[in-house]
Every structure is written in C-alpha cells, then in structure tokens.
Amino acid sequence: MTVPLRKRVKRRVRSVLLVAAVRLLAFVPLRLALALGTAVGSVGWVLARRMRRQILAQLAIAFPERSDCFKENKILGILID
C-alpha cells in the first residue's frame, strides 16, 4: 500500500520546516534558546492533554508507590527543563 502523494508532500514540508527551525536555533544565544525551550514545553504541557494522560498512566505503572503530585512534577520537569 502506498502513501498518497498529498500526504507525502505534507510530511516532507513539515520535516523540512522542522529541520530549518532547528538549524536556525543553532544561531540563537543560549539563554534565549533555553527561554524558548521552556516556553514551548509549557505550552506543550497545556495543549497536549491526551499525551499528558498517557504519560501519567505509564508513570503510574512504573512508579505505583509514588503520588500523583510526584508524577506530574516529573512530567513538568521533562517538558520544561
């Protein structure tokens, strides 16, 4: 089964834009890059509810003895740091 041309083009454009953004970030000063990363992680925390629930479920399996607060802080630390 082949992937439709429209979907392949869309994926290619998305990947080219992502690579360009990463290469541009190489020229950004470190403090600004860290601030941008923190901002993107914070927005991701707010917008990615389904992924956050999935991560919490996986952490519940990995750390059944830990509290929900610990698990949420662990996710925040991963996304924002």
N, C-alpha and C. Protein backbone atom coordinates (compact mmCIF):
# COMPACT_ATOMS: atom_id res chain seq x y z
N MET A 1 0.85 -1.17 0.00
CA MET A 1 0.00 0.00 0.00
C MET A 1 0.90 1.24 0.00
N THR A 2 0.64 2.15 -0.90
CA THR A 2 1.46 3.36 -0.98
C THR A 2 0.75 4.52 -0.29
N VAL A 3 1.54 5.43 0.17
CA VAL A 3 1.01 6.62 0.83
C VAL A 3 0.65 7.63 -0.25
N PRO A 4 -0.53 8.26 -0.14
CA PRO A 4 -0.94 9.24 -1.15
C PRO A 4 0.07 10.38 -1.29
N LEU A 5 0.17 10.92 -2.49
CA LEU A 5 1.12 11.98 -2.79
C LEU A 5 0.92 13.19 -1.88
N ARG A 6 -0.31 13.57 -1.66
CA ARG A 6 -0.59 14.75 -0.83
C ARG A 6 -0.03 14.57 0.59
N LYS A 7 -0.20 13.39 1.13
CA LYS A 7 0.30 13.12 2.48
C LYS A 7 1.83 13.12 2.50
N ARG A 8 2.45 12.54 1.48
CA ARG A 8 3.91 12.53 1.41
C ARG A 8 4.47 13.94 1.30
N VAL A 9 3.83 14.78 0.50
CA VAL A 9 4.28 16.16 0.35
C VAL A 9 4.12 16.91 1.67
N LYS A 10 3.00 16.70 2.32
CA LYS A 10 2.75 17.37 3.60
C LYS A 10 3.80 16.96 4.64
N ARG A 11 4.12 15.69 4.71
CA ARG A 11 5.14 15.21 5.64
C ARG A 11 6.51 15.80 5.31
N ARG A 12 6.82 15.84 4.03
CA ARG A 12 8.13 16.37 3.60
C ARG A 12 8.26 17.84 3.94
N VAL A 13 7.22 18.61 3.69
CA VAL A 13 7.26 20.05 4.00
C VAL A 13 7.42 20.24 5.50
N ARG A 14 6.67 19.47 6.28
CA ARG A 14 6.76 19.57 7.73
C ARG A 14 8.17 19.25 8.22
N SER A 15 8.77 18.19 7.68
CA SER A 15 10.11 17.82 8.13
C SER A 15 11.16 18.85 7.70
N VAL A 16 11.01 19.42 6.51
CA VAL A 16 11.96 20.45 6.06
C VAL A 16 11.85 21.69 6.94
N LEU A 17 10.63 22.08 7.30
CA LEU A 17 10.45 23.24 8.18
C LEU A 17 11.02 22.98 9.57
N LEU A 18 10.85 21.78 10.06
CA LEU A 18 11.40 21.44 11.37
C LEU A 18 12.92 21.46 11.37
N VAL A 19 13.53 20.90 10.34
CA VAL A 19 14.99 20.91 10.23
C VAL A 19 15.50 22.35 10.11
N ALA A 20 14.81 23.18 9.35
CA ALA A 20 15.21 24.58 9.21
C ALA A 20 15.11 25.31 10.55
N ALA A 21 14.06 25.05 11.31
CA ALA A 21 13.91 25.69 12.61
C ALA A 21 15.02 25.27 13.56
N VAL A 22 15.38 24.00 13.56
CA VAL A 22 16.45 23.51 14.43
C VAL A 22 17.79 24.14 14.03
N ARG A 23 18.03 24.24 12.75
CA ARG A 23 19.29 24.85 12.29
C ARG A 23 19.35 26.34 12.63
N LEU A 24 18.22 27.02 12.56
CA LEU A 24 18.19 28.44 12.94
C LEU A 24 18.45 28.61 14.44
N LEU A 25 17.96 27.67 15.24
CA LEU A 25 18.18 27.75 16.68
C LEU A 25 19.65 27.63 17.05
N ALA A 26 20.46 27.09 16.18
CA ALA A 26 21.89 26.98 16.45
C ALA A 26 22.55 28.36 16.54
N PHE A 27 21.92 29.36 15.94
CA PHE A 27 22.48 30.71 15.94
C PHE A 27 21.91 31.59 17.05
N VAL A 28 20.96 31.07 17.80
CA VAL A 28 20.34 31.83 18.88
C VAL A 28 21.21 31.72 20.13
N PRO A 29 21.39 32.82 20.87
CA PRO A 29 22.15 32.73 22.12
C PRO A 29 21.53 31.71 23.08
N LEU A 30 22.38 31.11 23.91
CA LEU A 30 21.96 30.02 24.78
C LEU A 30 20.80 30.41 25.69
N ARG A 31 20.88 31.57 26.33
CA ARG A 31 19.81 31.99 27.25
C ARG A 31 18.47 32.11 26.53
N LEU A 32 18.50 32.68 25.33
CA LEU A 32 17.26 32.81 24.56
C LEU A 32 16.74 31.44 24.14
N ALA A 33 17.65 30.54 23.75
CA ALA A 33 17.24 29.19 23.36
C ALA A 33 16.61 28.46 24.54
N LEU A 34 17.19 28.61 25.73
CA LEU A 34 16.62 27.97 26.92
C LEU A 34 15.25 28.56 27.26
N ALA A 35 15.11 29.87 27.11
CA ALA A 35 13.81 30.50 27.38
C ALA A 35 12.77 30.02 26.37
N LEU A 36 13.16 29.91 25.11
CA LEU A 36 12.24 29.41 24.09
C LEU A 36 11.84 27.96 24.38
N GLY A 37 12.81 27.15 24.79
CA GLY A 37 12.51 25.76 25.13
C GLY A 37 11.55 25.64 26.30
N THR A 38 11.74 26.49 27.30
CA THR A 38 10.84 26.50 28.45
C THR A 38 9.44 26.91 28.03
N ALA A 39 9.35 27.92 27.17
CA ALA A 39 8.04 28.38 26.70
C ALA A 39 7.33 27.29 25.89
N VAL A 40 8.06 26.63 25.00
CA VAL A 40 7.47 25.56 24.19
C VAL A 40 7.03 24.40 25.07
N GLY A 41 7.84 24.05 26.06
CA GLY A 41 7.47 22.98 26.98
C GLY A 41 6.24 23.31 27.79
N SER A 42 6.13 24.57 28.22
CA SER A 42 4.95 24.99 28.99
C SER A 42 3.68 24.95 28.14
N VAL A 43 3.80 25.42 26.91
CA VAL A 43 2.64 25.36 26.01
C VAL A 43 2.28 23.91 25.71
N GLY A 44 3.29 23.08 25.52
CA GLY A 44 3.04 21.65 25.29
C GLY A 44 2.32 21.01 26.45
N TRP A 45 2.68 21.39 27.67
CA TRP A 45 2.02 20.86 28.87
C TRP A 45 0.54 21.21 28.86
N VAL A 46 0.22 22.42 28.46
CA VAL A 46 -1.17 22.87 28.47
C VAL A 46 -1.97 22.23 27.32
N LEU A 47 -1.37 22.15 26.16
CA LEU A 47 -2.11 21.71 24.97
C LEU A 47 -2.17 20.19 24.77
N ALA A 48 -1.19 19.47 25.26
CA ALA A 48 -1.10 18.03 24.99
C ALA A 48 -1.76 17.22 26.11
N ARG A 49 -3.05 17.38 26.28
CA ARG A 49 -3.76 16.69 27.36
C ARG A 49 -3.74 15.18 27.20
N ARG A 50 -3.99 14.72 25.99
CA ARG A 50 -4.04 13.27 25.77
C ARG A 50 -2.68 12.64 26.03
N MET A 51 -1.61 13.29 25.56
CA MET A 51 -0.28 12.77 25.79
C MET A 51 0.06 12.82 27.28
N ARG A 52 -0.36 13.88 27.96
CA ARG A 52 -0.10 14.01 29.39
C ARG A 52 -0.79 12.88 30.16
N ARG A 53 -2.03 12.56 29.80
CA ARG A 53 -2.74 11.45 30.44
C ARG A 53 -2.03 10.13 30.19
N GLN A 54 -1.54 9.93 28.98
CA GLN A 54 -0.84 8.71 28.63
C GLN A 54 0.46 8.59 29.43
N ILE A 55 1.20 9.70 29.55
CA ILE A 55 2.44 9.69 30.32
C ILE A 55 2.15 9.40 31.79
N LEU A 56 1.09 10.01 32.33
CA LEU A 56 0.72 9.76 33.72
C LEU A 56 0.37 8.29 33.94
N ALA A 57 -0.33 7.69 32.98
CA ALA A 57 -0.68 6.27 33.10
C ALA A 57 0.58 5.41 33.08
N GLN A 58 1.54 5.76 32.23
CA GLN A 58 2.78 4.99 32.16
C GLN A 58 3.61 5.17 33.43
N LEU A 59 3.63 6.39 33.97
CA LEU A 59 4.34 6.61 35.23
C LEU A 59 3.67 5.88 36.38
N ALA A 60 2.34 5.74 36.34
CA ALA A 60 1.63 5.00 37.38
C ALA A 60 2.04 3.53 37.37
N ILE A 61 2.32 3.00 36.19
CA ILE A 61 2.79 1.62 36.09
C ILE A 61 4.23 1.52 36.59
N ALA A 62 5.05 2.50 36.21
CA ALA A 62 6.46 2.45 36.57
C ALA A 62 6.70 2.77 38.05
N PHE A 63 5.90 3.69 38.60
CA PHE A 63 6.07 4.12 39.99
C PHE A 63 4.74 4.02 40.74
N PRO A 64 4.24 2.82 41.02
CA PRO A 64 2.93 2.70 41.66
C PRO A 64 2.91 3.26 43.08
N GLU A 65 4.07 3.31 43.73
CA GLU A 65 4.11 3.78 45.12
C GLU A 65 4.17 5.30 45.22
N ARG A 66 4.45 5.99 44.13
CA ARG A 66 4.59 7.45 44.14
C ARG A 66 3.24 8.14 44.02
N SER A 67 3.18 9.37 44.53
CA SER A 67 1.94 10.14 44.49
C SER A 67 1.73 10.75 43.11
N ASP A 68 0.49 11.18 42.85
CA ASP A 68 0.17 11.83 41.58
C ASP A 68 0.94 13.14 41.44
N CYS A 69 1.15 13.82 42.55
CA CYS A 69 1.90 15.08 42.53
C CYS A 69 3.33 14.84 42.04
N PHE A 70 3.96 13.78 42.52
CA PHE A 70 5.31 13.43 42.08
C PHE A 70 5.33 13.18 40.58
N LYS A 71 4.35 12.44 40.09
CA LYS A 71 4.30 12.09 38.67
C LYS A 71 4.11 13.32 37.79
N GLU A 72 3.23 14.24 38.21
CA GLU A 72 3.02 15.46 37.44
C GLU A 72 4.27 16.33 37.44
N ASN A 73 4.94 16.43 38.58
CA ASN A 73 6.17 17.20 38.65
C ASN A 73 7.26 16.58 37.78
N LYS A 74 7.28 15.27 37.70
CA LYS A 74 8.25 14.58 36.85
C LYS A 74 8.03 14.93 35.38
N ILE A 75 6.77 14.94 34.96
CA ILE A 75 6.44 15.29 33.58
C ILE A 75 6.81 16.74 33.32
N LEU A 76 6.45 17.63 34.23
CA LEU A 76 6.80 19.05 34.06
C LEU A 76 8.30 19.22 33.93
N GLY A 77 9.05 18.51 34.76
CA GLY A 77 10.50 18.60 34.69
C GLY A 77 11.05 18.16 33.35
N ILE A 78 10.46 17.14 32.77
CA ILE A 78 10.91 16.65 31.47
C ILE A 78 10.56 17.64 30.37
N LEU A 79 9.36 18.17 30.38
CA LEU A 79 8.92 19.07 29.33
C LEU A 79 9.57 20.44 29.41
N ILE A 80 9.78 20.95 30.59
CA ILE A 80 10.24 22.34 30.72
C ILE A 80 11.76 22.42 30.81
N ASP A 81 12.42 21.45 31.39
CA ASP A 81 13.88 21.54 31.52
C ASP A 81 14.58 21.21 30.24
